[in-house]
């Protein structure tokens, strides 16, 4: 009796997956030392009157809202009034009764 043909003849051979080194963007500016603690994003809109705004994640492009007093602003600019549109920041998220919101914004030098 003969054996049926193998369905996956190359199953034992290693595959050529892209490495993390291949995905690195050589044009991106260097990150600050404490950047790995935070998600990275860009401020899209700031409403100074209500001390709120929107930022977008660099990794996913998803937009997240923030509002004082529910967000802590850390770094050299400790207030929402110091945030500017297009500013690159680190952020952390938290669940609220209205969904996922920004809980911490870290402004880098």
Foldseek 3Di string as FASTA:
>chain_A
DDDDDDPCVCVPPDDDDDDPVVVDDPPDDDDDPCQVVFFKWFFAFADVVQQKGWIATPVPRDIAIDGPPQAAEDDPDRGSVPHDGGAMWGWDWDQDPVGIHTRYTYHDD
